[in-house]
N, C-alpha and C. Protein backbone atom coordinates (compact mmCIF):
# COMPACT_ATOMS: atom_id res chain seq x y z
N MET A 1 -0.13 -15.00 62.49
CA MET A 1 -1.10 -15.34 61.44
C MET A 1 -1.09 -17.09 61.39
N GLY A 2 0.11 -17.76 61.50
CA GLY A 2 0.04 -19.21 61.55
C GLY A 2 -0.47 -19.87 62.68
N ALA A 3 -1.05 -18.93 63.73
CA ALA A 3 -1.98 -19.41 64.90
C ALA A 3 -3.10 -20.13 64.60
N ARG A 4 -3.51 -19.66 63.41
CA ARG A 4 -4.76 -20.25 62.93
C ARG A 4 -4.72 -21.62 62.33
N TYR A 5 -3.51 -22.33 62.28
CA TYR A 5 -3.12 -23.53 61.88
C TYR A 5 -2.24 -24.44 62.92
N ARG A 6 -2.68 -25.37 63.24
CA ARG A 6 -1.83 -26.40 64.04
C ARG A 6 -0.85 -27.21 63.30
N VAL A 7 0.04 -27.54 64.17
CA VAL A 7 1.30 -28.40 63.59
C VAL A 7 1.14 -29.84 64.09
N ARG A 8 1.10 -31.01 63.33
CA ARG A 8 1.26 -32.26 63.82
C ARG A 8 2.20 -33.17 63.35
N ALA A 9 2.36 -34.29 63.63
CA ALA A 9 3.29 -35.30 62.95
C ALA A 9 2.53 -35.69 61.66
N ALA A 10 3.33 -35.95 61.00
CA ALA A 10 2.87 -36.59 59.57
C ALA A 10 2.80 -37.91 59.62
N ASP A 11 1.88 -38.66 58.88
CA ASP A 11 1.86 -39.93 58.95
C ASP A 11 1.40 -40.34 57.82
N LEU A 12 1.64 -41.72 57.32
CA LEU A 12 1.33 -42.47 56.05
C LEU A 12 -0.13 -42.19 55.47
N SER A 13 -0.97 -42.04 56.17
CA SER A 13 -2.30 -41.50 55.98
C SER A 13 -2.35 -40.18 54.84
N ASP A 14 -1.29 -39.34 55.12
CA ASP A 14 -1.29 -37.97 54.52
C ASP A 14 -0.76 -38.13 53.14
N VAL A 15 0.13 -39.25 52.75
CA VAL A 15 0.56 -39.45 51.76
C VAL A 15 0.11 -38.99 50.66
N PRO A 16 -1.45 -39.61 50.34
CA PRO A 16 -2.37 -39.01 48.91
C PRO A 16 -2.35 -37.74 48.96
N GLU A 17 -2.51 -36.96 50.09
CA GLU A 17 -2.67 -35.50 49.89
C GLU A 17 -1.50 -34.61 49.55
N LEU A 18 -0.37 -35.41 50.06
CA LEU A 18 0.86 -34.68 50.17
C LEU A 18 1.46 -34.82 48.69
N ALA A 19 0.93 -35.77 47.96
CA ALA A 19 1.17 -36.27 46.53
C ALA A 19 0.45 -35.12 45.65
N VAL A 20 -0.62 -34.54 46.11
CA VAL A 20 -1.22 -34.07 45.36
C VAL A 20 -0.79 -32.62 45.55
N ILE A 21 -0.41 -31.94 46.64
CA ILE A 21 0.06 -30.78 46.74
C ILE A 21 1.51 -30.58 46.26
N GLU A 22 2.38 -31.55 46.41
CA GLU A 22 3.71 -31.56 45.92
C GLU A 22 4.09 -30.87 44.37
N PRO A 23 3.28 -31.26 43.54
CA PRO A 23 3.56 -30.88 42.11
C PRO A 23 2.99 -29.40 41.87
N ARG A 24 2.33 -29.08 43.03
CA ARG A 24 1.63 -27.85 42.74
C ARG A 24 2.72 -26.49 43.52
N CYS A 25 3.57 -27.32 43.90
CA CYS A 25 4.67 -26.46 44.83
C CYS A 25 6.00 -26.29 44.04
N PHE A 26 6.33 -27.46 43.26
CA PHE A 26 7.85 -27.93 42.81
C PHE A 26 7.64 -28.41 41.38
N SER A 27 8.73 -28.02 40.59
CA SER A 27 8.84 -28.41 39.29
C SER A 27 9.16 -29.74 39.27
N ASP A 28 9.93 -30.55 40.24
CA ASP A 28 10.35 -31.66 40.22
C ASP A 28 9.91 -32.35 41.43
N PRO A 29 8.88 -32.51 41.54
CA PRO A 29 8.02 -32.92 42.72
C PRO A 29 8.42 -34.60 43.24
N TRP A 30 8.22 -34.70 44.40
CA TRP A 30 8.35 -36.10 44.96
C TRP A 30 7.10 -36.73 44.68
N SER A 31 7.19 -38.36 44.38
CA SER A 31 6.01 -39.15 44.37
C SER A 31 5.46 -39.44 45.44
N ALA A 32 4.38 -39.97 45.46
CA ALA A 32 3.83 -40.84 46.50
C ALA A 32 4.51 -41.56 47.22
N ALA A 33 5.11 -42.53 46.48
CA ALA A 33 6.11 -43.89 46.82
C ALA A 33 7.42 -43.01 47.49
N GLY A 34 7.89 -41.97 47.04
CA GLY A 34 9.12 -41.01 47.73
C GLY A 34 8.46 -40.40 48.92
N PHE A 35 7.20 -40.13 49.22
CA PHE A 35 6.80 -39.77 50.58
C PHE A 35 6.45 -40.94 51.59
N HIS A 36 6.05 -41.68 50.95
CA HIS A 36 5.56 -43.14 51.68
C HIS A 36 7.02 -43.60 52.27
N GLU A 37 8.02 -43.85 51.35
CA GLU A 37 9.33 -44.29 51.85
C GLU A 37 9.87 -43.43 52.94
N MET A 38 9.81 -42.08 52.53
CA MET A 38 10.28 -41.21 53.54
C MET A 38 9.89 -41.35 55.04
N LEU A 39 8.59 -40.86 54.83
CA LEU A 39 7.80 -41.19 56.28
C LEU A 39 7.59 -42.30 56.96
N SER A 40 8.03 -43.32 55.93
CA SER A 40 8.02 -44.94 57.14
C SER A 40 9.56 -44.88 57.60
N ALA A 41 10.38 -44.24 57.43
CA ALA A 41 11.91 -44.29 57.89
C ALA A 41 11.92 -43.52 59.43
N PRO A 42 12.51 -44.22 60.37
CA PRO A 42 12.78 -44.03 61.72
C PRO A 42 13.46 -42.61 62.07
N TYR A 43 14.45 -42.24 60.97
CA TYR A 43 15.33 -40.98 61.07
C TYR A 43 14.72 -39.95 60.51
N ILE A 44 13.38 -39.82 60.08
CA ILE A 44 12.57 -39.04 59.56
C ILE A 44 11.68 -38.13 60.19
N LEU A 45 11.65 -36.83 60.26
CA LEU A 45 10.49 -35.85 61.12
C LEU A 45 9.90 -35.44 60.16
N GLY A 46 8.38 -35.57 60.10
CA GLY A 46 7.57 -35.01 59.29
C GLY A 46 6.47 -34.33 59.99
N LEU A 47 6.32 -33.08 59.33
CA LEU A 47 5.30 -32.18 60.04
C LEU A 47 4.08 -31.67 59.03
N ILE A 48 2.81 -31.55 59.48
CA ILE A 48 1.84 -31.21 58.89
C ILE A 48 1.35 -29.93 59.51
N ALA A 49 1.03 -28.82 58.62
CA ALA A 49 0.39 -27.79 59.15
C ALA A 49 -1.24 -27.85 58.31
N GLU A 50 -2.12 -27.74 59.50
CA GLU A 50 -3.28 -27.96 58.73
C GLU A 50 -4.35 -26.50 59.53
N PRO A 51 -5.27 -26.23 58.82
CA PRO A 51 -6.19 -25.22 59.42
C PRO A 51 -7.12 -26.17 60.27
N ARG A 52 -8.40 -25.57 60.76
CA ARG A 52 -9.26 -26.04 61.95
C ARG A 52 -9.69 -27.40 61.08
N GLN A 53 -10.12 -27.15 59.90
CA GLN A 53 -11.02 -28.60 59.24
C GLN A 53 -9.48 -29.39 58.62
N ARG A 54 -9.60 -30.53 58.68
CA ARG A 54 -8.15 -31.43 58.28
C ARG A 54 -8.47 -31.40 56.84
N SER A 55 -7.39 -30.78 56.49
CA SER A 55 -6.75 -30.59 55.15
C SER A 55 -5.35 -30.07 55.49
N ILE A 56 -4.51 -30.51 54.30
CA ILE A 56 -2.89 -29.95 54.51
C ILE A 56 -2.92 -28.71 53.93
N ALA A 57 -2.03 -27.79 54.68
CA ALA A 57 -1.79 -26.35 54.22
C ALA A 57 -0.56 -26.68 53.69
N GLY A 58 0.34 -27.21 54.58
CA GLY A 58 1.76 -27.32 54.26
C GLY A 58 2.23 -28.30 55.04
N TYR A 59 3.93 -28.82 54.65
CA TYR A 59 4.59 -29.52 55.44
C TYR A 59 6.00 -29.43 55.30
N LEU A 60 6.48 -30.19 55.97
CA LEU A 60 7.95 -30.36 56.14
C LEU A 60 8.35 -31.48 56.59
N VAL A 61 9.49 -32.10 55.86
CA VAL A 61 10.20 -33.34 55.89
C VAL A 61 11.60 -33.22 56.26
N ALA A 62 12.36 -33.48 57.13
CA ALA A 62 13.45 -33.42 57.74
C ALA A 62 14.24 -34.96 57.99
N ARG A 63 15.31 -34.88 57.99
CA ARG A 63 16.10 -36.23 58.34
C ARG A 63 17.03 -35.73 59.36
N VAL A 64 17.32 -36.80 60.34
CA VAL A 64 17.97 -36.80 61.29
C VAL A 64 19.22 -37.71 61.59
N VAL A 65 20.29 -36.92 61.65
CA VAL A 65 21.51 -38.25 61.51
C VAL A 65 22.38 -37.80 62.64
N ASP A 66 22.39 -38.27 63.90
CA ASP A 66 23.41 -38.08 65.16
C ASP A 66 22.97 -36.76 65.43
N GLU A 67 24.09 -35.61 65.45
CA GLU A 67 23.79 -34.35 65.91
C GLU A 67 23.41 -33.39 64.71
N GLU A 68 23.00 -33.90 63.41
CA GLU A 68 22.68 -33.11 62.38
C GLU A 68 21.36 -33.29 61.97
N GLY A 69 20.65 -32.48 61.20
CA GLY A 69 19.52 -32.46 60.75
C GLY A 69 19.83 -32.08 59.27
N GLU A 70 18.70 -32.37 58.41
CA GLU A 70 18.52 -31.85 57.32
C GLU A 70 17.27 -31.48 56.66
N ILE A 71 16.66 -30.19 56.51
CA ILE A 71 15.52 -30.00 55.97
C ILE A 71 15.44 -30.76 54.24
N LEU A 72 14.52 -31.67 54.07
CA LEU A 72 14.57 -32.01 52.67
C LEU A 72 13.63 -31.59 52.03
N ASN A 73 12.40 -31.14 52.75
CA ASN A 73 11.51 -30.28 51.56
C ASN A 73 10.43 -29.64 52.67
N LEU A 74 10.17 -28.38 52.33
CA LEU A 74 9.40 -27.51 52.98
C LEU A 74 8.42 -26.84 51.98
N ALA A 75 7.02 -27.26 52.10
CA ALA A 75 5.99 -26.65 51.13
C ALA A 75 4.84 -26.27 51.53
N VAL A 76 4.16 -25.06 50.91
CA VAL A 76 2.89 -24.58 51.65
C VAL A 76 2.02 -24.38 50.08
N ALA A 77 1.08 -25.07 50.21
CA ALA A 77 -0.37 -24.89 49.19
C ALA A 77 -0.18 -23.54 48.82
N PRO A 78 -0.23 -23.05 47.32
CA PRO A 78 -0.42 -21.89 47.01
C PRO A 78 -1.46 -20.99 47.56
N GLU A 79 -2.62 -21.52 47.89
CA GLU A 79 -3.69 -20.81 48.45
C GLU A 79 -3.69 -20.63 50.16
N HIS A 80 -2.48 -21.19 50.54
CA HIS A 80 -2.24 -20.99 52.20
C HIS A 80 -1.17 -20.07 52.23
N ARG A 81 -0.40 -19.63 51.04
CA ARG A 81 0.97 -18.98 51.41
C ARG A 81 0.54 -17.55 51.96
N ARG A 82 1.85 -16.96 52.59
CA ARG A 82 1.85 -15.47 53.20
C ARG A 82 0.84 -15.40 54.14
N LYS A 83 0.66 -16.65 54.82
CA LYS A 83 -0.09 -16.71 56.42
C LYS A 83 0.62 -17.28 57.56
N GLY A 84 2.12 -17.18 57.12
CA GLY A 84 2.95 -17.59 58.28
C GLY A 84 3.28 -19.16 58.46
N ILE A 85 2.56 -19.73 57.43
CA ILE A 85 2.69 -21.13 57.57
C ILE A 85 4.24 -21.82 57.43
N GLY A 86 4.94 -21.29 56.50
CA GLY A 86 6.25 -21.97 56.34
C GLY A 86 7.10 -21.45 57.72
N ALA A 87 6.89 -20.36 58.22
CA ALA A 87 7.64 -19.71 59.38
C ALA A 87 7.32 -20.97 60.62
N LEU A 88 5.92 -21.11 60.64
CA LEU A 88 5.45 -21.93 61.86
C LEU A 88 6.00 -23.64 61.59
N LEU A 89 6.01 -24.04 60.47
CA LEU A 89 6.60 -25.22 60.26
C LEU A 89 8.10 -25.19 60.57
N LEU A 90 8.98 -24.36 60.23
CA LEU A 90 10.17 -24.30 60.32
C LEU A 90 10.55 -24.21 61.84
N GLU A 91 9.79 -23.24 62.49
CA GLU A 91 10.11 -23.26 63.94
C GLU A 91 9.86 -24.60 64.63
N SER A 92 8.78 -25.14 64.19
CA SER A 92 8.15 -26.37 65.02
C SER A 92 9.39 -27.28 64.47
N ALA A 93 9.89 -27.52 63.49
CA ALA A 93 11.02 -28.78 63.00
C ALA A 93 12.31 -28.30 63.78
N LEU A 94 12.51 -26.98 63.92
CA LEU A 94 13.83 -26.44 64.39
C LEU A 94 13.71 -26.89 66.10
N HIS A 95 12.46 -26.73 66.50
CA HIS A 95 12.48 -27.20 68.05
C HIS A 95 12.49 -28.57 68.16
N ALA A 96 11.51 -29.29 67.01
CA ALA A 96 11.70 -30.77 67.16
C ALA A 96 12.97 -31.30 67.30
N LEU A 97 13.71 -31.05 66.17
CA LEU A 97 15.05 -31.39 65.80
C LEU A 97 16.06 -31.05 67.18
N ARG A 98 15.86 -29.98 67.78
CA ARG A 98 16.85 -29.51 68.79
C ARG A 98 16.32 -30.75 69.95
N THR A 99 15.23 -31.14 70.31
CA THR A 99 15.07 -31.74 71.40
C THR A 99 15.42 -33.15 71.20
N ARG A 100 15.80 -33.33 69.96
CA ARG A 100 16.47 -34.68 69.39
C ARG A 100 17.94 -34.55 69.61
N GLY A 101 18.51 -33.83 69.95
CA GLY A 101 19.80 -33.55 70.20
C GLY A 101 20.43 -32.88 68.96
N VAL A 102 19.76 -32.52 68.03
CA VAL A 102 20.40 -32.05 66.83
C VAL A 102 21.24 -30.76 67.07
N LEU A 103 22.43 -30.46 66.74
CA LEU A 103 22.86 -29.20 66.94
C LEU A 103 23.18 -28.27 65.64
N ALA A 104 23.21 -28.91 64.45
CA ALA A 104 23.27 -28.20 63.10
C ALA A 104 22.07 -28.58 62.19
N VAL A 105 21.46 -27.70 61.55
CA VAL A 105 20.41 -28.24 60.34
C VAL A 105 20.93 -27.62 59.22
N PHE A 106 20.94 -28.57 58.00
CA PHE A 106 21.45 -27.99 56.69
C PHE A 106 20.26 -28.08 55.75
N LEU A 107 20.24 -27.31 54.97
CA LEU A 107 19.21 -27.17 53.56
C LEU A 107 19.69 -26.45 52.16
N GLU A 108 19.30 -26.96 51.24
CA GLU A 108 19.43 -26.57 50.09
C GLU A 108 18.24 -25.68 49.41
N VAL A 109 18.48 -24.36 48.82
CA VAL A 109 17.26 -23.60 48.55
C VAL A 109 17.88 -23.29 46.92
N ARG A 110 16.80 -23.06 45.98
CA ARG A 110 17.09 -22.40 44.95
C ARG A 110 17.82 -21.13 44.97
N VAL A 111 18.72 -20.76 44.19
CA VAL A 111 19.30 -19.31 44.34
C VAL A 111 18.23 -18.33 44.03
N SER A 112 17.16 -18.82 43.26
CA SER A 112 16.39 -17.74 42.61
C SER A 112 14.91 -17.68 43.72
N ASN A 113 14.99 -18.49 44.62
CA ASN A 113 13.98 -18.54 45.57
C ASN A 113 13.92 -17.49 46.86
N GLN A 114 14.15 -16.11 46.53
CA GLN A 114 14.51 -15.34 47.52
C GLN A 114 13.69 -15.11 48.81
N ALA A 115 12.29 -15.61 48.58
CA ALA A 115 11.36 -15.54 49.47
C ALA A 115 11.69 -16.77 50.54
N ALA A 116 12.09 -17.74 50.07
CA ALA A 116 12.35 -18.69 50.80
C ALA A 116 13.87 -18.36 51.48
N ILE A 117 14.46 -18.02 50.76
CA ILE A 117 15.90 -17.47 51.55
C ILE A 117 15.66 -16.79 52.71
N ASN A 118 14.86 -15.72 52.26
CA ASN A 118 14.61 -14.57 53.38
C ASN A 118 13.90 -15.21 54.57
N LEU A 119 13.24 -16.35 54.34
CA LEU A 119 12.43 -17.08 55.65
C LEU A 119 13.54 -17.64 56.33
N TYR A 120 14.52 -18.45 55.63
CA TYR A 120 15.39 -19.10 56.18
C TYR A 120 16.48 -18.21 56.97
N GLN A 121 16.79 -17.04 56.38
CA GLN A 121 17.72 -16.41 56.97
C GLN A 121 17.22 -15.80 58.36
N ALA A 122 16.00 -15.50 58.38
CA ALA A 122 15.06 -14.74 59.44
C ALA A 122 14.90 -15.59 60.53
N LYS A 123 15.27 -16.92 60.35
CA LYS A 123 15.20 -18.03 61.46
C LYS A 123 16.55 -18.54 61.74
N GLY A 124 17.50 -17.63 61.16
CA GLY A 124 18.99 -18.23 61.67
C GLY A 124 19.56 -18.93 60.70
N PHE A 125 19.22 -19.32 59.68
CA PHE A 125 20.06 -20.18 58.67
C PHE A 125 21.23 -19.03 58.00
N ARG A 126 22.33 -19.46 58.01
CA ARG A 126 23.46 -18.90 57.15
C ARG A 126 23.89 -19.53 55.81
N PRO A 127 24.36 -18.64 54.93
CA PRO A 127 24.77 -19.49 53.67
C PRO A 127 26.25 -20.05 53.87
N ILE A 128 26.33 -21.30 53.53
CA ILE A 128 27.86 -21.84 53.54
C ILE A 128 28.43 -22.09 52.45
N GLY A 129 27.51 -22.17 51.38
CA GLY A 129 28.07 -22.77 50.13
C GLY A 129 27.20 -22.76 49.15
N GLN A 130 27.41 -23.18 47.93
CA GLN A 130 26.43 -23.46 46.81
C GLN A 130 26.44 -24.57 46.02
N ARG A 131 25.82 -25.39 45.36
CA ARG A 131 25.74 -26.34 44.57
C ARG A 131 25.53 -26.25 43.15
N HIS A 132 26.57 -26.34 42.19
CA HIS A 132 26.00 -25.80 40.97
C HIS A 132 25.30 -27.04 40.08
N GLY A 133 24.15 -26.50 39.58
CA GLY A 133 23.23 -27.65 38.69
C GLY A 133 22.76 -28.34 39.74
N TYR A 134 22.50 -28.17 40.70
CA TYR A 134 21.84 -29.07 41.77
C TYR A 134 20.12 -29.29 41.44
N TYR A 135 19.40 -28.36 41.04
CA TYR A 135 18.19 -28.54 40.66
C TYR A 135 18.09 -29.21 38.99
N ARG A 136 17.12 -29.83 38.83
CA ARG A 136 17.19 -30.44 37.39
C ARG A 136 16.01 -29.60 36.73
N ARG A 137 14.93 -29.09 37.22
CA ARG A 137 14.03 -29.10 36.52
C ARG A 137 13.28 -27.52 36.87
N PRO A 138 13.80 -26.42 36.41
CA PRO A 138 14.77 -26.14 35.58
C PRO A 138 16.09 -26.30 36.03
N VAL A 139 17.29 -26.71 35.73
CA VAL A 139 18.53 -26.64 36.19
C VAL A 139 18.85 -25.55 36.63
N GLU A 140 19.28 -25.43 37.64
CA GLU A 140 19.54 -24.13 38.69
C GLU A 140 20.52 -24.57 39.84
N ASP A 141 21.61 -23.67 40.27
CA ASP A 141 22.17 -23.74 41.49
C ASP A 141 21.51 -23.45 42.84
N ALA A 142 21.79 -24.28 43.74
CA ALA A 142 21.33 -24.26 45.02
C ALA A 142 22.19 -23.43 45.92
N MET A 143 21.78 -22.63 47.02
CA MET A 143 22.22 -22.18 47.92
C MET A 143 22.19 -22.98 49.37
N VAL A 144 23.44 -23.31 49.80
CA VAL A 144 23.52 -24.11 51.06
C VAL A 144 23.46 -23.48 52.19
N LEU A 145 22.46 -23.65 53.17
CA LEU A 145 22.35 -23.03 54.29
C LEU A 145 22.52 -23.67 55.65
N ARG A 146 23.00 -23.37 56.72
CA ARG A 146 23.23 -23.80 58.02
C ARG A 146 22.56 -23.16 59.16
N TRP A 147 22.00 -23.72 60.00
CA TRP A 147 21.55 -23.41 61.32
C TRP A 147 22.01 -24.24 62.30
N GLU A 148 22.39 -23.50 63.52
CA GLU A 148 23.34 -23.90 64.43
C GLU A 148 22.67 -23.79 65.68
N SER A 149 22.08 -24.36 66.58
CA SER A 149 21.70 -23.92 67.72
C SER A 149 22.18 -23.05 68.78
N ALA A 150 23.59 -23.40 68.66
CA ALA A 150 24.23 -22.38 69.56
C ALA A 150 24.30 -21.05 69.22
N VAL A 151 24.34 -20.74 67.94
CA VAL A 151 24.42 -19.59 67.04
C VAL A 151 22.75 -18.84 67.49
N ALA A 152 21.82 -19.71 67.48
CA ALA A 152 20.50 -19.33 67.41
C ALA A 152 20.13 -18.80 68.95
N GLY A 153 21.18 -19.20 69.86
CA GLY A 153 20.80 -18.77 71.09
C GLY A 153 19.97 -19.73 71.92
N LEU A 154 20.02 -20.99 71.55
CA LEU A 154 19.23 -22.08 72.23
C LEU A 154 20.55 -22.91 73.09
N PRO A 155 19.97 -23.43 74.41
CA PRO A 155 20.84 -24.28 75.07
C PRO A 155 21.58 -25.41 74.52
């Protein structure tokens, strides 16, 4: 289903639309300034999923440090959910990170977000810990997940 969407690199012109989608997806959203700062950094991978008409259906922001990556933000606009966009973005990010030499990718996810946990585990992420009180609004623990290219069967 995600084939109806294309994935491209995010750029600063996307910031206004990202800042509109973000609070629709998260209770403690990033600001436009936060997106601008992130997408301006050379160590950041930003991806956009969009349908044929140019509008943003979802996005992913990751950080790269040497051989490690971290998924900082993955969101799909509510009207585009259940169409494979999250999986498409995640697969695209893992491929892009691997081509940059990343061997392991980490992320945090709310312990109550079973849909996201299922997606991440289906793509090879495994739980490695928990951060108590990590999320602020509302306060909730985060599950820490790790993906390794060797475990995922990549060279």
